[in-house]
């Protein structure tokens, strides 16, 4: 075999320093994106938590309605008793 044929059969050499840099850059990009997503999720969680602090559960709303109705009934009973 001649040297010309041997060169054609070998794959081209890769520069490992640029490949490592590309991998490192991709890794930093991946972690940067992940970090940004986590920050957004935390901000959303904080916003939703603040909104839900003042929201009453269905049971609490029902209890308030029962208290209101009992108050109305009590005032009507007082009127009826007089």
PDB file of N, CA and C in Angstrom:
ATOM      1  N   UNK A   1       0.831  -1.173   0.000  1.00  0.00           N
ATOM      2  CA  UNK A   1       0.000   0.000   0.000  1.00  0.00           C
ATOM      3  C   UNK A   1       0.874   1.233   0.000  1.00  0.00           C
ATOM      4  N   UNK A   2       0.409   2.226  -0.677  1.00  0.00           N
ATOM      5  CA  UNK A   2       1.195   3.451  -0.712  1.00  0.00           C
ATOM      6  C   UNK A   2       0.737   4.368   0.406  1.00  0.00           C
ATOM      7  N   UNK A   3       1.559   5.339   0.705  1.00  0.00           N
ATOM      8  CA  UNK A   3       1.222   6.273   1.776  1.00  0.00           C
ATOM      9  C   UNK A   3      -0.034   7.079   1.453  1.00  0.00           C
ATOM     10  N   UNK A   4      -0.290   7.341   0.184  1.00  0.00           N
ATOM     11  CA  UNK A   4      -1.462   8.106  -0.228  1.00  0.00           C
ATOM     12  C   UNK A   4      -2.739   7.375   0.111  1.00  0.00           C
ATOM     13  N   UNK A   5      -2.754   6.050  -0.087  1.00  0.00           N
ATOM     14  CA  UNK A   5      -3.940   5.260   0.231  1.00  0.00           C
ATOM     15  C   UNK A   5      -4.157   5.171   1.737  1.00  0.00           C
ATOM     16  N   UNK A   6      -3.067   5.090   2.500  1.00  0.00           N
ATOM     17  CA  UNK A   6      -3.163   5.002   3.937  1.00  0.00           C
ATOM     18  C   UNK A   6      -3.766   6.272   4.529  1.00  0.00           C
ATOM     19  N   UNK A   7      -3.370   7.409   4.013  1.00  0.00           N
ATOM     20  CA  UNK A   7      -3.909   8.686   4.499  1.00  0.00           C
ATOM     21  C   UNK A   7      -5.393   8.807   4.214  1.00  0.00           C
ATOM     22  N   UNK A   8      -5.838   8.245   3.099  1.00  0.00           N
ATOM     23  CA  UNK A   8      -7.250   8.327   2.748  1.00  0.00           C
ATOM     24  C   UNK A   8      -8.101   7.474   3.681  1.00  0.00           C
ATOM     25  N   UNK A   9      -7.527   6.387   4.185  1.00  0.00           N
ATOM     26  CA  UNK A   9      -8.294   5.473   5.020  1.00  0.00           C
ATOM     27  C   UNK A   9      -8.408   5.943   6.468  1.00  0.00           C
ATOM     28  N   UNK A  10      -7.486   6.746   6.954  1.00  0.00           N
ATOM     29  CA  UNK A  10      -7.506   7.195   8.339  1.00  0.00           C
ATOM     30  C   UNK A  10      -8.481   8.355   8.505  1.00  0.00           C
ATOM     31  N   UNK A  11      -9.231   8.352   9.577  1.00  0.00           N
ATOM     32  CA  UNK A  11     -10.129   9.501   9.818  1.00  0.00           C
ATOM     33  C   UNK A  11      -9.303  10.725  10.167  1.00  0.00           C
ATOM     34  N   UNK A  12      -9.826  11.897   9.880  1.00  0.00           N
ATOM     35  CA  UNK A  12      -9.075  13.119  10.214  1.00  0.00           C
ATOM     36  C   UNK A  12      -8.933  13.261  11.723  1.00  0.00           C
ATOM     37  N   UNK A  13      -7.802  13.783  12.143  1.00  0.00           N
ATOM     38  CA  UNK A  13      -7.557  13.970  13.570  1.00  0.00           C
ATOM     39  C   UNK A  13      -8.395  15.126  14.085  1.00  0.00           C
ATOM     40  N   UNK A  14      -8.884  14.963  15.307  1.00  0.00           N
ATOM     41  CA  UNK A  14      -9.686  16.008  15.931  1.00  0.00           C
ATOM     42  C   UNK A  14      -8.827  16.745  16.930  1.00  0.00           C
ATOM     43  N   UNK A  15      -9.075  18.027  17.035  1.00  0.00           N
ATOM     44  CA  UNK A  15      -8.374  18.830  18.027  1.00  0.00           C
ATOM     45  C   UNK A  15      -9.130  18.677  19.343  1.00  0.00           C
ATOM     46  N   UNK A  16      -8.547  17.947  20.280  1.00  0.00           N
ATOM     47  CA  UNK A  16      -9.230  17.643  21.541  1.00  0.00           C
ATOM     48  C   UNK A  16      -9.447  18.873  22.398  1.00  0.00           C
ATOM     49  N   UNK A  17      -8.611  19.871  22.258  1.00  0.00           N
ATOM     50  CA  UNK A  17      -8.779  21.074  23.081  1.00  0.00           C
ATOM     51  C   UNK A  17     -10.058  21.811  22.708  1.00  0.00           C
ATOM     52  N   UNK A  18     -10.405  21.886  21.438  1.00  0.00           N
ATOM     53  CA  UNK A  18     -11.638  22.574  21.055  1.00  0.00           C
ATOM     54  C   UNK A  18     -12.849  21.717  21.375  1.00  0.00           C
ATOM     55  N   UNK A  19     -12.726  20.399  21.289  1.00  0.00           N
ATOM     56  CA  UNK A  19     -13.836  19.517  21.639  1.00  0.00           C
ATOM     57  C   UNK A  19     -14.155  19.641  23.124  1.00  0.00           C
ATOM     58  N   UNK A  20     -13.138  19.685  23.961  1.00  0.00           N
ATOM     59  CA  UNK A  20     -13.341  19.864  25.398  1.00  0.00           C
ATOM     60  C   UNK A  20     -13.966  21.206  25.702  1.00  0.00           C
ATOM     61  N   UNK A  21     -13.545  22.240  24.990  1.00  0.00           N
ATOM     62  CA  UNK A  21     -14.136  23.566  25.184  1.00  0.00           C
ATOM     63  C   UNK A  21     -15.605  23.565  24.787  1.00  0.00           C
ATOM     64  N   UNK A  22     -15.924  22.869  23.695  1.00  0.00           N
ATOM     65  CA  UNK A  22     -17.315  22.816  23.248  1.00  0.00           C
ATOM     66  C   UNK A  22     -18.175  22.091  24.276  1.00  0.00           C
ATOM     67  N   UNK A  23     -17.651  20.988  24.810  1.00  0.00           N
ATOM     68  CA  UNK A  23     -18.402  20.244  25.823  1.00  0.00           C
ATOM     69  C   UNK A  23     -18.597  21.093  27.072  1.00  0.00           C
ATOM     70  N   UNK A  24     -17.543  21.786  27.483  1.00  0.00           N
ATOM     71  CA  UNK A  24     -17.625  22.648  28.672  1.00  0.00           C
ATOM     72  C   UNK A  24     -18.618  23.774  28.444  1.00  0.00           C
ATOM     73  N   UNK A  25     -18.592  24.336  27.238  1.00  0.00           N
ATOM     74  CA  UNK A  25     -19.523  25.421  26.906  1.00  0.00           C
ATOM     75  C   UNK A  25     -20.960  24.908  26.902  1.00  0.00           C
ATOM     76  N   UNK A  26     -21.171  23.724  26.333  1.00  0.00           N
ATOM     77  CA  UNK A  26     -22.515  23.142  26.306  1.00  0.00           C
ATOM     78  C   UNK A  26     -22.986  22.839  27.724  1.00  0.00           C
ATOM     79  N   UNK A  27     -22.085  22.356  28.561  1.00  0.00           N
ATOM     80  CA  UNK A  27     -22.440  22.037  29.950  1.00  0.00           C
ATOM     81  C   UNK A  27     -22.820  23.319  30.697  1.00  0.00           C
ATOM     82  N   UNK A  28     -22.034  24.375  30.508  1.00  0.00           N
ATOM     83  CA  UNK A  28     -22.345  25.649  31.163  1.00  0.00           C
ATOM     84  C   UNK A  28     -23.677  26.184  30.667  1.00  0.00           C
ATOM     85  N   UNK A  29     -23.933  26.037  29.374  1.00  0.00           N
ATOM     86  CA  UNK A  29     -25.192  26.503  28.811  1.00  0.00           C
ATOM     87  C   UNK A  29     -26.354  25.716  29.395  1.00  0.00           C
ATOM     88  N   UNK A  30     -26.183  24.402  29.510  1.00  0.00           N
ATOM     89  CA  UNK A  30     -27.231  23.557  30.069  1.00  0.00           C
ATOM     90  C   UNK A  30     -27.521  23.941  31.516  1.00  0.00           C
ATOM     91  N   UNK A  31     -26.481  24.092  32.326  1.00  0.00           N
ATOM     92  CA  UNK A  31     -26.680  24.466  33.727  1.00  0.00           C
ATOM     93  C   UNK A  31     -27.202  25.888  33.850  1.00  0.00           C
ATOM     94  N   UNK A  32     -26.799  26.761  32.938  1.00  0.00           N
ATOM     95  CA  UNK A  32     -27.330  28.123  32.950  1.00  0.00           C
ATOM     96  C   UNK A  32     -28.820  28.131  32.685  1.00  0.00           C
ATOM     97  N   UNK A  33     -29.240  27.347  31.704  1.00  0.00           N
ATOM     98  CA  UNK A  33     -30.674  27.246  31.390  1.00  0.00           C
ATOM     99  C   UNK A  33     -31.441  26.619  32.542  1.00  0.00           C
ATOM    100  N   UNK A  34     -30.865  25.590  33.117  1.00  0.00           N
ATOM    101  CA  UNK A  34     -31.509  24.927  34.252  1.00  0.00           C
ATOM    102  C   UNK A  34     -31.643  25.884  35.437  1.00  0.00           C
ATOM    103  N   UNK A  35     -30.587  26.641  35.691  1.00  0.00           N
ATOM    104  CA  UNK A  35     -30.606  27.612  36.780  1.00  0.00           C
ATOM    105  C   UNK A  35     -31.676  28.674  36.529  1.00  0.00           C
ATOM    106  N   UNK A  36     -31.788  29.132  35.295  1.00  0.00           N
ATOM    107  CA  UNK A  36     -32.788  30.148  34.952  1.00  0.00           C
ATOM    108  C   UNK A  36     -34.198  29.588  35.132  1.00  0.00           C
ATOM    109  N   UNK A  37     -34.410  28.343  34.712  1.00  0.00           N
ATOM    110  CA  UNK A  37     -35.723  27.711  34.879  1.00  0.00           C
ATOM    111  C   UNK A  37     -36.078  27.579  36.355  1.00  0.00           C
ATOM    112  N   UNK A  38     -35.104  27.215  37.173  1.00  0.00           N
ATOM    113  CA  UNK A  38     -35.359  27.087  38.607  1.00  0.00           C
ATOM    114  C   UNK A  38     -35.698  28.435  39.235  1.00  0.00           C
ATOM    115  N   UNK A  39     -35.014  29.485  38.805  1.00  0.00           N
ATOM    116  CA  UNK A  39     -35.324  30.821  39.328  1.00  0.00           C
ATOM    117  C   UNK A  39     -36.748  31.224  38.961  1.00  0.00           C
ATOM    118  N   UNK A  40     -37.150  30.959  37.715  1.00  0.00           N
ATOM    119  CA  UNK A  40     -38.506  31.296  37.281  1.00  0.00           C
ATOM    120  C   UNK A  40     -39.547  30.496  38.060  1.00  0.00           C
ATOM    121  N   UNK A  41     -39.257  29.219  38.297  1.00  0.00           N
ATOM    122  CA  UNK A  41     -40.192  28.382  39.062  1.00  0.00           C
ATOM    123  C   UNK A  41     -40.335  28.902  40.488  1.00  0.00           C
ATOM    124  N   UNK A  42     -39.227  29.308  41.086  1.00  0.00           N
ATOM    125  CA  UNK A  42     -39.273  29.836  42.449  1.00  0.00           C
ATOM    126  C   UNK A  42     -40.067  31.134  42.499  1.00  0.00           C
ATOM    127  N   UNK A  43     -39.866  32.004  41.521  1.00  0.00           N
ATOM    128  CA  UNK A  43     -40.621  33.258  41.474  1.00  0.00           C
ATOM    129  C   UNK A  43     -42.112  32.985  41.302  1.00  0.00           C
ATOM    130  N   UNK A  44     -42.450  32.014  40.453  1.00  0.00           N
ATOM    131  CA  UNK A  44     -43.856  31.653  40.259  1.00  0.00           C
ATOM    132  C   UNK A  44     -44.441  31.099  41.547  1.00  0.00           C
ATOM    133  N   UNK A  45     -43.674  30.283  42.234  1.00  0.00           N
ATOM    134  CA  UNK A  45     -44.131  29.688  43.495  1.00  0.00           C
ATOM    135  C   UNK A  45     -44.405  30.787  44.517  1.00  0.00           C
ATOM    136  N   UNK A  46     -43.476  31.756  44.612  1.00  0.00           N
ATOM    137  CA  UNK A  46     -43.660  32.856  45.559  1.00  0.00           C
ATOM    138  C   UNK A  46     -44.913  33.654  45.225  1.00  0.00           C
ATOM    139  N   UNK A  47     -45.121  33.941  43.948  1.00  0.00           N
ATOM    140  CA  UNK A  47     -46.285  34.716  43.522  1.00  0.00           C
ATOM    141  C   UNK A  47     -47.575  33.971  43.851  1.00  0.00           C
ATOM    142  N   UNK A  48     -47.612  32.690  43.525  1.00  0.00           N
ATOM    143  CA  UNK A  48     -48.816  31.901  43.810  1.00  0.00           C
ATOM    144  C   UNK A  48     -49.052  31.772  45.308  1.00  0.00           C
ATOM    145  N   UNK A  49     -47.993  31.623  46.066  1.00  0.00           N
ATOM    146  CA  UNK A  49     -48.130  31.505  47.522  1.00  0.00           C
ATOM    147  C   UNK A  49     -48.735  32.769  48.111  1.00  0.00           C
ATOM    148  N   UNK A  50     -48.275  33.931  47.630  1.00  0.00           N
ATOM    149  CA  UNK A  50     -48.818  35.193  48.129  1.00  0.00           C
ATOM    150  C   UNK A  50     -50.301  35.317  47.788  1.00  0.00           C
ATOM    151  N   UNK A  51     -50.672  34.876  46.597  1.00  0.00           N
ATOM    152  CA  UNK A  51     -52.076  34.960  46.197  1.00  0.00           C
ATOM    153  C   UNK A  51     -52.943  34.013  47.023  1.00  0.00           C
ATOM    154  N   UNK A  52     -52.423  32.863  47.359  1.00  0.00           N
ATOM    155  CA  UNK A  52     -53.210  31.859  48.057  1.00  0.00           C
ATOM    156  C   UNK A  52     -53.322  32.131  49.556  1.00  0.00           C
ATOM    157  N   UNK A  53     -52.471  32.995  50.099  1.00  0.00           N
ATOM    158  CA  UNK A  53     -52.526  33.289  51.532  1.00  0.00           C
ATOM    159  C   UNK A  53     -53.890  33.881  51.900  1.00  0.00           C
ATOM    160  N   UNK A  54     -54.403  34.734  51.052  1.00  0.00           N
ATOM    161  CA  UNK A  54     -55.657  35.427  51.355  1.00  0.00           C
ATOM    162  C   UNK A  54     -56.880  34.679  50.844  1.00  0.00           C
ATOM    163  N   UNK A  55     -56.680  33.608  50.116  1.00  0.00           N
ATOM    164  CA  UNK A  55     -57.810  32.856  49.585  1.00  0.00           C
ATOM    165  C   UNK A  55     -58.304  31.870  50.640  1.00  0.00           C
ATOM    166  N   UNK A  56     -59.624  31.844  50.798  1.00  0.00           N
ATOM    167  CA  UNK A  56     -60.231  30.946  51.780  1.00  0.00           C
ATOM    168  C   UNK A  56     -60.535  29.609  51.118  1.00  0.00           C
ATOM    169  N   UNK A  57     -60.429  28.572  51.908  1.00  0.00           N
ATOM    170  CA  UNK A  57     -60.789  27.240  51.420  1.00  0.00           C
ATOM    171  C   UNK A  57     -62.310  27.166  51.283  1.00  0.00           C
ATOM    172  N   UNK A  58     -62.816  26.219  50.530  1.00  0.00           N
ATOM    173  CA  UNK A  58     -64.282  26.081  50.406  1.00  0.00           C
ATOM    174  C   UNK A  58     -64.955  25.869  51.762  1.00  0.00           C
ATOM    175  N   UNK A  59     -64.275  25.157  52.661  1.00  0.00           N
ATOM    176  CA  UNK A  59     -64.851  24.930  53.992  1.00  0.00           C
ATOM    177  C   UNK A  59     -64.958  26.243  54.766  1.00  0.00           C
ATOM    178  N   UNK A  60     -63.925  27.087  54.657  1.00  0.00           N
ATOM    179  CA  UNK A  60     -63.954  28.387  55.351  1.00  0.00           C
ATOM    180  C   UNK A  60     -65.045  29.280  54.782  1.00  0.00           C
ATOM    181  N   UNK A  61     -65.207  29.267  53.458  1.00  0.00           N
ATOM    182  CA  UNK A  61     -66.256  30.068  52.833  1.00  0.00           C
ATOM    183  C   UNK A  61     -67.631  29.586  53.285  1.00  0.00           C
ATOM    184  N   UNK A  62     -67.784  28.278  53.367  1.00  0.00           N
ATOM    185  CA  UNK A  62     -69.054  27.712  53.806  1.00  0.00           C
ATOM    186  C   UNK A  62     -69.333  28.079  55.262  1.00  0.00           C
ATOM    187  N   UNK A  63     -68.324  28.050  56.098  1.00  0.00           N
ATOM    188  CA  UNK A  63     -68.477  28.422  57.503  1.00  0.00           C
ATOM    189  C   UNK A  63     -68.896  29.887  57.630  1.00  0.00           C
ATOM    190  N   UNK A  64     -68.284  30.758  56.846  1.00  0.00           N
ATOM    191  CA  UNK A  64     -68.659  32.177  56.869  1.00  0.00           C
ATOM    192  C   UNK A  64     -70.122  32.364  56.454  1.00  0.00           C
ATOM    193  N   UNK A  65     -70.541  31.612  55.441  1.00  0.00           N
ATOM    194  CA  UNK A  65     -71.935  31.710  54.986  1.00  0.00           C
ATOM    195  C   UNK A  65     -72.900  31.225  56.060  1.00  0.00           C
ATOM    196  N   UNK A  66     -72.562  30.141  56.745  1.00  0.00           N
ATOM    197  CA  UNK A  66     -73.407  29.626  57.824  1.00  0.00           C
ATOM    198  C   UNK A  66     -73.485  30.653  58.951  1.00  0.00           C
ATOM    199  N   UNK A  67     -72.360  31.266  59.299  1.00  0.00           N
ATOM    200  CA  UNK A  67     -72.362  32.294  60.347  1.00  0.00           C
ATOM    201  C   UNK A  67     -73.243  33.469  59.948  1.00  0.00           C
ATOM    202  N   UNK A  68     -73.179  33.865  58.696  1.00  0.00           N
ATOM    203  CA  UNK A  68     -73.994  34.982  58.214  1.00  0.00           C
ATOM    204  C   UNK A  68     -75.472  34.628  58.304  1.00  0.00           C
ATOM    205  N   UNK A  69     -75.823  33.425  57.868  1.00  0.00           N
ATOM    206  CA  UNK A  69     -77.220  32.996  57.912  1.00  0.00           C
ATOM    207  C   UNK A  69     -77.730  32.887  59.351  1.00  0.00           C
ATOM    208  N   UNK A  70     -76.880  32.398  60.242  1.00  0.00           N
ATOM    209  CA  UNK A  70     -77.278  32.322  61.652  1.00  0.00           C
ATOM    210  C   UNK A  70     -77.482  33.713  62.243  1.00  0.00           C
ATOM    211  N   UNK A  71     -76.644  34.652  61.832  1.00  0.00           N
ATOM    212  CA  UNK A  71     -76.809  36.028  62.293  1.00  0.00           C
ATOM    213  C   UNK A  71     -78.129  36.608  61.817  1.00  0.00           C
ATOM    214  N   UNK A  72     -78.485  36.361  60.554  1.00  0.00           N
ATOM    215  CA  UNK A  72     -79.763  36.840  60.022  1.00  0.00           C
ATOM    216  C   UNK A  72     -80.930  36.184  60.749  1.00  0.00           C
ATOM    217  N   UNK A  73     -80.832  34.891  60.992  1.00  0.00           N
ATOM    218  CA  UNK A  73     -81.894  34.164  61.697  1.00  0.00           C
ATOM    219  C   UNK A  73     -82.063  34.693  63.115  1.00  0.00           C
ATOM    220  N   UNK A  74     -80.940  34.979  63.754  1.00  0.00           N
ATOM    221  CA  UNK A  74     -81.000  35.496  65.132  1.00  0.00           C
ATOM    222  C   UNK A  74     -81.679  36.858  65.155  1.00  0.00           C
ATOM    223  N   UNK A  75     -81.356  37.720  64.188  1.00  0.00           N
ATOM    224  CA  UNK A  75     -81.997  39.041  64.177  1.00  0.00           C
ATOM    225  C   UNK A  75     -83.480  38.924  63.877  1.00  0.00           C
ATOM    226  N   UNK A  76     -83.889  38.001  63.014  1.00  0.00           N
ATOM    227  CA  UNK A  76     -85.314  37.806  62.718  1.00  0.00           C
ATOM    228  C   UNK A  76     -86.056  37.240  63.916  1.00  0.00           C
ATOM    229  N   UNK A  77     -85.404  36.364  64.671  1.00  0.00           N
ATOM    230  CA  UNK A  77     -86.029  35.806  65.872  1.00  0.00           C
ATOM    231  C   UNK A  77     -86.226  36.900  66.924  1.00  0.00           C
ATOM    232  N   UNK A  78     -85.281  37.820  67.013  1.00  0.00           N
ATOM    233  CA  UNK A  78     -85.423  38.926  67.965  1.00  0.00           C
ATOM    234  C   UNK A  78     -86.616  39.788  67.577  1.00  0.00           C
ATOM    235  N   UNK A  79     -86.756  40.052  66.261  1.00  0.00           N
ATOM    236  CA  UNK A  79     -87.879  40.844  65.772  1.00  0.00           C
ATOM    237  C   UNK A  79     -89.207  40.126  66.066  1.00  0.00           C
ATOM    238  N   UNK A  80     -89.217  38.842  65.861  1.00  0.00           N
ATOM    239  CA  UNK A  80     -90.434  38.059  66.089  1.00  0.00           C
ATOM    240  C   UNK A  80     -90.800  38.006  67.573  1.00  0.00           C
ATOM    241  N   UNK A  81     -89.780  37.977  68.419  1.00  0.00           N
ATOM    242  CA  UNK A  81     -90.014  37.913  69.861  1.00  0.00           C
ATOM    243  C   UNK A  81     -90.508  39.211  70.443  1.00  0.00           C
ATOM    244  N   UNK A  82     -90.279  40.304  69.789  1.00  0.00           N
ATOM    245  CA  UNK A  82     -90.680  41.602  70.352  1.00  0.00           C
ATOM    246  C   UNK A  82     -92.148  41.885  70.153  1.00  0.00           C
TER     247      UNK A  82
END
